[in-house]
Amino acid sequence: QLMHYLTPHFGLGAEFNATNYQDATGTLGASKYKNSADRYAFMLAGKVVFMPEAKTRLYIPLGAGFSRFKGKVENTTTGASASETCTKPSFYAGLGVETDLNDIFIFGIEGRYNMFGLDKDKFNTDNSYLDDVALLLKIGIKF
């Protein structure tokens, strides 16, 4: 994430993030299956900072952009597999706290709610979106 502070209370920037979801396995009849999924997002990122002059600050991260989602199902018994991808709008919102370690480095923790679009037909689902909650540990550099 690159962030430029337009005012001490508000930053605007760009972000790339990636999520590799834990593989899931299952059995259907005599066949065993493995499901895997990955998501890559390019976002316009915003940050609202409370008490920007303090050493430790509370903030609200916001972002909107596009996510590319890829899902794969593999029949581990036969070796057959199928995968699909889609690119759809996505956004996040959260709450974070960060502290200055010194004049250069920042450390923080951030919780986010992520929501991203999904192609219902490709992924055979009733939902047109997926969502998750993420907890991030951050190390940053001021420049």
Protein backbone atom coordinates (compact mmCIF):
# COMPACT_ATOMS: atom_id res chain seq x y z
CA GLN A 1 0.00 0.00 0.00
CA LEU A 2 1.24 3.46 -0.90
CA MET A 3 -0.52 6.28 0.94
CA HIS A 4 -0.23 10.04 0.46
CA TYR A 5 -1.72 12.20 3.22
CA LEU A 6 -3.80 15.00 1.72
CA THR A 7 -4.40 16.35 5.23
CA PRO A 8 -3.13 15.08 8.60
CA HIS A 9 -6.50 13.34 9.04
CA PHE A 10 -6.96 11.82 5.55
CA GLY A 11 -4.74 9.75 3.29
CA LEU A 12 -5.41 8.49 -0.23
CA GLY A 13 -3.40 5.90 -2.13
CA ALA A 14 -3.27 2.60 -3.97
CA GLU A 15 -3.07 -0.95 -2.70
CA PHE A 16 -2.48 -4.44 -4.04
CA ASN A 17 -3.36 -7.38 -1.80
CA ALA A 18 -3.57 -11.12 -2.25
CA THR A 19 -5.39 -13.82 -0.31
CA ASN A 20 -4.70 -17.53 -0.58
CA TYR A 21 -7.60 -19.36 1.04
CA GLN A 22 -6.95 -22.63 2.86
CA ASP A 23 -7.57 -25.71 0.70
CA ALA A 24 -10.60 -27.82 1.58
CA THR A 25 -10.96 -31.54 0.95
CA GLY A 26 -14.01 -33.74 0.73
CA THR A 27 -15.36 -37.07 -0.45
CA LEU A 28 -18.28 -37.70 -2.78
CA GLY A 29 -18.96 -41.38 -3.37
CA ALA A 30 -15.65 -43.08 -4.18
CA SER A 31 -13.95 -39.84 -5.27
CA LYS A 32 -11.92 -37.43 -3.16
CA TYR A 33 -11.86 -33.72 -4.00
CA LYS A 34 -9.67 -30.74 -3.17
CA ASN A 35 -10.96 -27.17 -3.50
CA SER A 36 -8.65 -24.17 -3.61
CA ALA A 37 -9.16 -20.45 -4.11
CA ASP A 38 -7.08 -17.29 -4.48
CA ARG A 39 -8.02 -13.62 -4.68
CA TYR A 40 -5.97 -10.65 -5.92
CA ALA A 41 -7.22 -7.09 -5.46
CA PHE A 42 -6.19 -3.69 -6.82
CA MET A 43 -7.77 -0.97 -4.72
CA LEU A 44 -8.01 2.77 -4.30
CA ALA A 45 -7.22 3.04 -0.59
CA GLY A 46 -8.30 5.69 1.90
CA LYS A 47 -7.47 6.22 5.55
CA VAL A 48 -9.21 8.43 8.13
CA VAL A 49 -6.86 9.05 11.07
CA PHE A 50 -7.97 10.17 14.53
CA MET A 51 -5.47 12.26 16.53
CA PRO A 52 -2.77 12.22 13.79
CA GLU A 53 -0.28 14.08 16.00
CA ALA A 54 -0.29 11.30 18.65
CA LYS A 55 2.37 8.59 18.72
CA THR A 56 -0.37 5.91 18.73
CA ARG A 57 -3.31 6.53 16.41
CA LEU A 58 -6.69 4.96 15.72
CA TYR A 59 -7.82 4.95 12.07
CA ILE A 60 -10.47 3.69 9.66
CA PRO A 61 -9.17 2.08 6.45
CA LEU A 62 -11.44 2.14 3.38
CA GLY A 63 -10.89 0.80 -0.11
CA ALA A 64 -12.65 0.14 -3.39
CA GLY A 65 -11.44 -1.46 -6.59
CA PHE A 66 -11.46 -4.77 -8.41
CA SER A 67 -10.69 -8.32 -7.32
CA ARG A 68 -9.74 -11.27 -9.46
CA PHE A 69 -10.98 -14.51 -7.91
CA LYS A 70 -9.84 -17.97 -9.01
CA GLY A 71 -11.39 -21.19 -7.78
CA LYS A 72 -10.23 -24.72 -8.59
CA VAL A 73 -11.73 -28.14 -7.93
CA GLU A 74 -9.54 -31.20 -8.33
CA ASN A 75 -10.65 -34.83 -8.22
CA THR A 76 -7.64 -36.33 -6.43
CA THR A 77 -8.83 -39.84 -7.25
CA THR A 78 -8.86 -39.41 -11.05
CA GLY A 79 -6.64 -36.34 -11.43
CA ALA A 80 -9.34 -34.39 -13.31
CA SER A 81 -9.70 -30.71 -12.44
CA ALA A 82 -11.62 -27.59 -13.37
CA SER A 83 -10.99 -23.94 -12.58
CA GLU A 84 -12.77 -20.64 -13.15
CA THR A 85 -11.84 -16.99 -12.70
CA CYS A 86 -13.78 -13.76 -12.56
CA THR A 87 -12.95 -10.09 -12.07
CA LYS A 88 -15.53 -8.04 -10.19
CA PRO A 89 -15.81 -4.90 -8.01
CA SER A 90 -14.69 -5.19 -4.39
CA PHE A 91 -14.36 -3.06 -1.28
CA TYR A 92 -13.13 -3.13 2.30
CA ALA A 93 -13.66 -1.20 5.51
CA GLY A 94 -12.12 -1.69 8.91
CA LEU A 95 -10.53 -0.35 12.04
CA GLY A 96 -6.85 -0.13 12.90
CA VAL A 97 -4.33 1.16 15.39
CA GLU A 98 -0.74 2.08 14.61
CA THR A 99 2.17 3.46 16.56
CA ASP A 100 5.42 5.18 15.64
CA LEU A 101 8.37 2.96 16.53
CA ASN A 102 10.72 5.87 15.72
CA ASP A 103 10.92 8.70 13.16
CA ILE A 104 10.89 6.22 10.24
CA PHE A 105 9.06 2.99 11.16
CA ILE A 106 5.39 2.37 12.02
CA PHE A 107 3.87 -0.80 13.48
CA GLY A 108 0.16 -1.54 13.55
CA ILE A 109 -2.69 -4.01 13.59
CA GLU A 110 -5.77 -3.71 11.40
CA GLY A 111 -9.05 -5.60 11.14
CA ARG A 112 -10.92 -5.54 7.82
CA TYR A 113 -14.21 -6.65 6.38
CA ASN A 114 -13.69 -7.52 2.69
CA MET A 115 -16.47 -8.00 0.15
CA PHE A 116 -15.90 -8.91 -3.49
CA GLY A 117 -18.10 -9.75 -6.45
CA LEU A 118 -18.47 -13.28 -7.76
CA ASP A 119 -19.85 -14.68 -11.00
CA LYS A 120 -22.81 -16.80 -9.82
CA ASP A 121 -22.95 -18.86 -13.01
CA LYS A 122 -19.25 -19.74 -13.15
CA PHE A 123 -19.08 -20.76 -9.49
CA ASN A 124 -22.51 -22.38 -9.23
CA THR A 125 -23.62 -20.38 -6.21
CA ASP A 126 -26.65 -18.36 -5.15
CA ASN A 127 -24.46 -15.46 -4.01
CA SER A 128 -23.20 -12.69 -6.28
CA TYR A 129 -20.47 -11.85 -3.73
CA LEU A 130 -18.18 -13.43 -1.14
CA ASP A 131 -16.92 -11.80 2.01
CA ASP A 132 -14.33 -12.43 4.69
CA VAL A 133 -12.73 -10.80 7.71
CA ALA A 134 -8.97 -10.30 7.83
CA LEU A 135 -6.55 -9.35 10.59
CA LEU A 136 -3.36 -7.67 9.37
CA LEU A 137 -0.09 -6.91 11.13
CA LYS A 138 1.56 -3.89 9.55
CA ILE A 139 5.08 -2.55 9.37
CA GLY A 140 5.40 0.74 7.52
CA ILE A 141 7.99 3.27 6.50
CA LYS A 142 7.39 7.03 6.48
CA PHE A 143 8.89 8.91 3.57
